[in-house]
Amino acid sequence: MEERIQDGLLRGLAGFYPGSELLQRFGEHIQSLVEAAERTAEGGDPERHLAALLALEAVLLSDLLSEPEAREVVHRAELQGAMAASQRLFADFECRLEDAFVADIARVRHPLRYLNDCESETRSYLARYRALAAAEIALAGIGPEDRVAFVGAGCLPITALEYVRTRGCRVDAIEILRDRAAQAGEIIEHLGLSDRLQVVAADGGTVDFAGYSVILVGVLAEPKSAIFARIAGSAAADARVLCRTTEGLRQFIYRPTAPRSLLPYEAQAISRARGFQTLSTLCLGKVSLKPEGAV
């Protein structure tokens, strides 16, 4: 175990605790941070709650553990309740942050300038999704000639905005919740991007994907099995298909995408989250079905 511990803080601690005990203590620390975030959420003090969430996030994004170590922590039975609670806390926080974005963008005279100049946690949130968009553009080779479908875009599709802004492509942001889709449409109109970025209020499992050259499925889009079955049945054979997921301790922030839910696709390449990034993106291809006995 000590040989697998990465350089840095945990290597120093490995001299004091056996490897299995060290990971147990690490998991207990995560659980205590989740419980603190839950208490502050109920306490009605937004600043204390934000501080508690940022403390939890700092540990989850620290990259202190190797992949086998993170897997051992994530799969501990006693941490499953904390993981579910953590996912709920971060989902609630992201929804509130997006709602605040939407309200701010709607009231400012120069919304694009606001997106470039906003401060505090808002700037960090935008920077995270801009970096994610840049990684996905590189992964899929998105260019001006592409038409992109983004399934599960939410009320503020920042990555879709980045695709349009940086690559000049056309994007359809698909959102199943009609109120969120309506909000997204208003924001895109206010930003002056509706000629290249459209919102479609629809279930991703019913959309015809025939006209898209790139299809991105968001981490919260569900049910993924129905969405990917629909993509497989309607998309062009050469369409590039992407799906977001989480790995390691980042699974405490978003639930990962199960490989079986991707069928008939499988991961062929990945843009992996590191540092302040939370989401990894898979580039998918159809499962290769070889005859029995074939090499």
Protein backbone atom coordinates (compact mmCIF):
# COMPACT_ATOMS: atom_id res chain seq x y z
CA MET A 1 0.00 0.00 0.00
CA GLU A 2 2.77 2.46 0.95
CA GLU A 3 4.34 1.99 -2.50
CA ARG A 4 1.05 3.07 -4.15
CA ILE A 5 0.60 6.25 -2.12
CA GLN A 6 1.36 9.30 -4.22
CA ASP A 7 4.06 11.81 -3.37
CA GLY A 8 2.97 14.58 -1.01
CA LEU A 9 0.89 14.65 2.16
CA LEU A 10 -0.20 11.02 2.22
CA ARG A 11 3.31 9.67 1.68
CA GLY A 12 4.35 11.54 4.81
CA LEU A 13 1.42 10.12 6.76
CA ALA A 14 2.13 6.60 5.54
CA GLY A 15 4.97 6.39 8.05
CA PHE A 16 2.49 6.79 10.91
CA TYR A 17 -0.41 4.60 9.78
CA PRO A 18 -0.67 1.27 7.93
CA GLY A 19 -2.03 1.77 4.40
CA SER A 20 -5.51 0.37 5.02
CA GLU A 21 -5.92 2.44 8.19
CA LEU A 22 -4.72 5.54 6.36
CA LEU A 23 -7.41 5.15 3.69
CA GLN A 24 -10.01 4.49 6.37
CA ARG A 25 -9.04 7.74 8.11
CA PHE A 26 -9.14 9.56 4.78
CA GLY A 27 -12.68 8.27 4.18
CA GLU A 28 -13.72 9.28 7.69
CA HIS A 29 -12.40 12.77 7.03
CA ILE A 30 -14.50 13.02 3.85
CA GLN A 31 -17.56 11.84 5.78
CA SER A 32 -17.01 14.48 8.46
CA LEU A 33 -16.74 17.19 5.78
CA VAL A 34 -19.99 16.01 4.16
CA GLU A 35 -21.73 16.10 7.55
CA ALA A 36 -20.44 19.64 8.14
CA ALA A 37 -21.78 20.73 4.75
CA GLU A 38 -25.17 19.17 5.59
CA ARG A 39 -25.31 21.00 8.92
CA THR A 40 -24.49 24.37 7.36
CA ALA A 41 -27.09 23.78 4.63
CA GLU A 42 -29.73 23.42 7.35
CA GLY A 43 -28.36 26.34 9.38
CA GLY A 44 -29.40 29.05 6.94
CA ASP A 45 -25.98 30.75 6.74
CA PRO A 46 -24.97 30.83 3.03
CA GLU A 47 -21.39 31.93 3.72
CA ARG A 48 -20.73 29.10 6.18
CA HIS A 49 -22.35 26.61 3.82
CA LEU A 50 -20.21 27.79 0.91
CA ALA A 51 -17.08 27.52 3.07
CA ALA A 52 -18.04 23.97 4.09
CA LEU A 53 -18.67 22.94 0.48
CA LEU A 54 -15.37 24.43 -0.68
CA ALA A 55 -13.53 22.57 2.11
CA LEU A 56 -15.12 19.31 0.97
CA GLU A 57 -14.43 20.06 -2.69
CA ALA A 58 -10.76 20.82 -1.96
CA VAL A 59 -10.28 17.29 -0.62
CA LEU A 60 -12.25 15.64 -3.44
CA LEU A 61 -10.19 17.47 -6.10
CA SER A 62 -6.84 17.11 -4.35
CA ASP A 63 -5.62 14.14 -6.45
CA LEU A 64 -3.76 12.87 -3.36
CA LEU A 65 -4.75 9.25 -3.96
CA SER A 66 -3.72 6.88 -6.70
CA GLU A 67 -6.50 5.34 -8.78
CA PRO A 68 -6.56 2.06 -6.78
CA GLU A 69 -6.64 3.98 -3.49
CA ALA A 70 -9.45 6.26 -4.62
CA ARG A 71 -11.39 3.22 -5.82
CA GLU A 72 -10.98 1.59 -2.40
CA VAL A 73 -12.31 4.70 -0.64
CA VAL A 74 -15.24 5.17 -3.05
CA HIS A 75 -16.36 1.56 -2.71
CA ARG A 76 -16.35 1.47 1.10
CA ALA A 77 -19.83 0.45 2.21
CA GLU A 78 -19.84 2.87 5.15
CA LEU A 79 -19.30 5.85 2.79
CA GLN A 80 -22.21 5.21 0.39
CA GLY A 81 -24.62 7.38 2.40
CA ALA A 82 -22.08 10.21 2.56
CA MET A 83 -21.52 9.94 -1.19
CA ALA A 84 -25.24 10.24 -1.97
CA ALA A 85 -25.55 13.19 0.43
CA SER A 86 -22.52 14.88 -1.12
CA GLN A 87 -23.93 14.49 -4.63
CA ARG A 88 -27.20 16.10 -3.49
CA LEU A 89 -25.38 18.99 -1.83
CA PHE A 90 -23.33 19.79 -4.91
CA ALA A 91 -26.36 19.43 -7.22
CA ASP A 92 -28.37 21.85 -5.07
CA PHE A 93 -25.49 24.31 -4.97
CA GLU A 94 -24.98 24.19 -8.72
CA CYS A 95 -28.69 24.80 -9.34
CA ARG A 96 -28.64 27.85 -7.05
CA LEU A 97 -25.49 29.17 -8.70
CA GLU A 98 -27.00 28.73 -12.18
CA ASP A 99 -30.19 30.49 -11.06
CA ALA A 100 -28.09 33.40 -9.77
CA PHE A 101 -26.22 33.51 -13.09
CA VAL A 102 -29.45 33.61 -15.04
CA ALA A 103 -30.83 36.45 -12.91
CA ASP A 104 -27.61 38.45 -13.20
CA ILE A 105 -27.24 37.97 -16.96
CA ALA A 106 -30.87 38.97 -17.50
CA ARG A 107 -30.42 42.30 -15.69
CA VAL A 108 -27.07 43.52 -17.06
CA ARG A 109 -26.78 45.68 -20.16
CA HIS A 110 -23.72 43.87 -21.56
CA PRO A 111 -24.15 40.17 -20.67
CA LEU A 112 -21.12 38.89 -22.59
CA ARG A 113 -18.94 41.40 -20.77
CA TYR A 114 -20.46 40.25 -17.48
CA LEU A 115 -19.53 36.65 -18.25
CA ASN A 116 -15.93 37.75 -18.79
CA ASP A 117 -15.69 40.03 -15.74
CA CYS A 118 -17.76 38.40 -12.95
CA GLU A 119 -16.02 37.71 -9.67
CA SER A 120 -15.62 35.25 -6.75
CA GLU A 121 -17.03 31.71 -7.03
CA THR A 122 -18.83 32.72 -10.21
CA ARG A 123 -15.52 33.24 -12.01
CA SER A 124 -14.21 29.86 -10.80
CA TYR A 125 -17.38 28.13 -11.97
CA LEU A 126 -17.13 29.71 -15.42
CA ALA A 127 -13.42 28.90 -15.68
CA ARG A 128 -14.13 25.25 -14.85
CA TYR A 129 -16.70 24.84 -17.60
CA ARG A 130 -14.68 26.81 -20.12
CA ALA A 131 -11.74 24.48 -19.53
CA LEU A 132 -14.09 21.49 -19.87
CA ALA A 133 -15.41 22.86 -23.17
CA ALA A 134 -11.88 23.38 -24.49
CA ALA A 135 -10.97 19.78 -23.59
CA GLU A 136 -14.09 18.44 -25.34
CA ILE A 137 -13.43 20.56 -28.43
CA ALA A 138 -9.97 19.02 -28.65
CA LEU A 139 -11.26 15.49 -27.91
CA ALA A 140 -13.93 15.55 -30.63
CA GLY A 141 -12.18 17.92 -33.05
CA ILE A 142 -15.17 20.29 -33.07
CA GLY A 143 -14.97 22.85 -35.88
CA PRO A 144 -17.08 25.60 -37.50
CA GLU A 145 -18.79 23.13 -39.83
CA ASP A 146 -20.16 20.96 -37.03
CA ARG A 147 -23.71 20.78 -35.73
CA VAL A 148 -23.67 19.74 -32.07
CA ALA A 149 -26.40 18.29 -29.87
CA PHE A 150 -25.89 18.80 -26.12
CA VAL A 151 -28.26 16.53 -24.17
CA GLY A 152 -28.95 17.71 -20.62
CA ALA A 153 -27.85 21.31 -21.11
CA GLY A 154 -29.68 22.86 -18.13
CA CYS A 155 -30.71 26.50 -17.82
CA LEU A 156 -27.23 27.92 -18.48
CA PRO A 157 -25.36 25.80 -21.07
CA ILE A 158 -21.91 27.36 -20.57
CA THR A 159 -20.08 24.72 -22.59
CA ALA A 160 -22.53 25.13 -25.48
CA LEU A 161 -21.87 28.87 -25.35
CA GLU A 162 -18.14 28.15 -25.48
CA TYR A 163 -18.50 25.81 -28.46
CA VAL A 164 -20.31 28.57 -30.36
CA ARG A 165 -18.07 31.40 -29.15
CA THR A 166 -14.71 29.72 -29.80
CA ARG A 167 -15.46 27.42 -32.77
CA GLY A 168 -18.36 29.10 -34.55
CA CYS A 169 -20.35 25.85 -34.80
CA ARG A 170 -24.11 25.45 -34.38
CA VAL A 171 -25.41 23.88 -31.18
CA ASP A 172 -28.82 22.61 -30.10
CA ALA A 173 -29.07 22.56 -26.28
CA ILE A 174 -31.52 19.80 -25.37
CA GLU A 175 -33.17 20.03 -21.94
CA ILE A 176 -36.01 17.82 -20.69
CA LEU A 177 -37.26 20.28 -18.02
CA ARG A 178 -39.33 22.90 -19.82
CA ASP A 179 -38.84 25.65 -17.25
CA ARG A 180 -35.04 25.23 -17.43
CA ALA A 181 -35.20 25.13 -21.23
CA ALA A 182 -37.25 28.35 -21.25
CA GLN A 183 -34.68 30.05 -19.01
CA ALA A 184 -31.85 28.93 -21.29
CA GLY A 185 -33.68 30.25 -24.34
CA GLU A 186 -34.16 33.67 -22.76
CA ILE A 187 -30.49 33.90 -21.77
CA ILE A 188 -29.27 32.87 -25.22
CA GLU A 189 -31.55 35.48 -26.81
CA HIS A 190 -30.22 38.12 -24.40
CA LEU A 191 -26.65 37.14 -25.30
CA GLY A 192 -27.42 37.58 -29.00
CA LEU A 193 -26.41 34.01 -29.88
CA SER A 194 -29.75 32.55 -30.95
CA ASP A 195 -28.69 32.41 -34.60
CA ARG A 196 -26.19 29.64 -33.73
CA LEU A 197 -27.41 28.29 -30.39
CA GLN A 198 -30.96 26.96 -30.07
CA VAL A 199 -32.74 25.37 -27.12
CA VAL A 200 -34.84 22.24 -27.64
CA ALA A 201 -37.23 21.28 -24.83
CA ALA A 202 -37.27 17.51 -25.26
CA ASP A 203 -36.45 14.15 -23.75
CA GLY A 204 -33.07 13.03 -25.10
CA GLY A 205 -34.48 9.53 -25.50
CA THR A 206 -36.91 10.77 -28.17
CA VAL A 207 -34.73 13.17 -30.21
CA ASP A 208 -33.82 12.44 -33.83
CA PHE A 209 -30.01 12.78 -33.93
CA ALA A 210 -29.67 12.26 -37.68
CA GLY A 211 -28.56 15.82 -38.44
CA TYR A 212 -25.78 16.09 -35.83
CA SER A 213 -22.07 15.51 -36.38
CA VAL A 214 -21.24 15.75 -32.65
CA ILE A 215 -23.45 14.57 -29.76
CA LEU A 216 -22.60 15.31 -26.13
CA VAL A 217 -24.51 13.67 -23.25
CA GLY A 218 -24.25 15.57 -19.96
CA VAL A 219 -23.41 13.90 -16.67
CA LEU A 220 -26.91 14.52 -15.23
CA ALA A 221 -28.85 13.52 -18.38
CA GLU A 222 -31.04 10.47 -17.67
CA PRO A 223 -31.96 7.75 -18.43
CA LYS A 224 -28.69 7.25 -20.29
CA SER A 225 -29.55 3.79 -21.59
CA ALA A 226 -32.57 5.21 -23.46
CA ILE A 227 -30.58 8.22 -24.72
CA PHE A 228 -27.76 6.09 -26.12
CA ALA A 229 -30.19 3.62 -27.67
CA ARG A 230 -31.81 6.58 -29.44
CA ILE A 231 -28.46 7.96 -30.56
CA ALA A 232 -27.45 4.55 -31.93
CA GLY A 233 -30.74 4.23 -33.78
CA SER A 234 -30.81 7.68 -35.40
CA ALA A 235 -27.34 9.26 -35.56
CA ALA A 236 -25.08 9.09 -38.60
CA ALA A 237 -22.45 6.36 -38.51
CA ASP A 238 -19.63 8.92 -38.45
CA ALA A 239 -21.11 11.10 -35.69
CA ARG A 240 -18.72 11.76 -32.80
CA VAL A 241 -20.39 10.80 -29.52
CA LEU A 242 -19.21 12.14 -26.14
CA CYS A 243 -20.40 11.45 -22.61
CA ARG A 244 -19.42 13.08 -19.32
CA THR A 245 -18.61 11.07 -16.24
CA THR A 246 -16.64 11.20 -12.99
CA GLU A 247 -13.74 9.18 -11.64
CA GLY A 248 -12.14 8.62 -8.26
CA LEU A 249 -13.15 10.90 -5.41
CA ARG A 250 -14.94 13.19 -7.90
CA GLN A 251 -17.77 10.65 -7.75
CA PHE A 252 -18.72 12.36 -4.48
CA ILE A 253 -19.65 15.41 -6.63
CA TYR A 254 -21.45 13.75 -9.56
CA ARG A 255 -22.60 10.17 -9.98
CA PRO A 256 -20.42 8.41 -12.57
CA THR A 257 -21.78 7.03 -15.84
CA ALA A 258 -21.97 3.23 -15.70
CA PRO A 259 -20.35 1.54 -18.73
CA ARG A 260 -23.45 -0.64 -19.26
CA SER A 261 -25.60 2.49 -19.70
CA LEU A 262 -23.51 3.47 -22.74
CA LEU A 263 -24.44 0.41 -24.79
CA PRO A 264 -24.21 -0.07 -27.73
CA TYR A 265 -21.26 2.31 -27.27
CA GLU A 266 -18.05 1.96 -25.31
CA ALA A 267 -15.29 4.37 -24.31
CA GLN A 268 -12.44 4.67 -26.81
CA ALA A 269 -10.68 7.77 -25.41
CA ILE A 270 -11.00 10.02 -22.38
CA SER A 271 -10.26 13.59 -21.38
CA ARG A 272 -9.59 13.09 -17.67
CA ALA A 273 -10.42 15.63 -14.95
CA ARG A 274 -7.44 16.88 -12.99
CA GLY A 275 -6.91 19.74 -10.56
CA PHE A 276 -9.93 22.03 -10.27
CA GLN A 277 -11.87 20.07 -12.93
CA THR A 278 -14.73 17.84 -11.78
CA LEU A 279 -15.88 16.12 -14.98
CA SER A 280 -14.13 13.72 -17.32
CA THR A 281 -15.38 13.23 -20.89
CA LEU A 282 -15.49 9.94 -22.78
CA CYS A 283 -15.22 9.72 -26.56
CA LEU A 284 -17.34 6.75 -27.60
CA GLY A 285 -17.46 4.24 -30.42
CA LYS A 286 -19.82 1.38 -31.23
CA VAL A 287 -19.09 -1.90 -29.47
CA SER A 288 -17.23 -4.23 -31.78
CA LEU A 289 -19.00 -7.60 -32.00
CA LYS A 290 -16.53 -10.19 -33.29
CA PRO A 291 -17.57 -13.73 -34.22
CA GLU A 292 -16.83 -16.29 -31.53
CA GLY A 293 -13.24 -17.49 -31.81
CA ALA A 294 -12.13 -14.49 -33.89
CA VAL A 295 -8.90 -12.77 -32.92
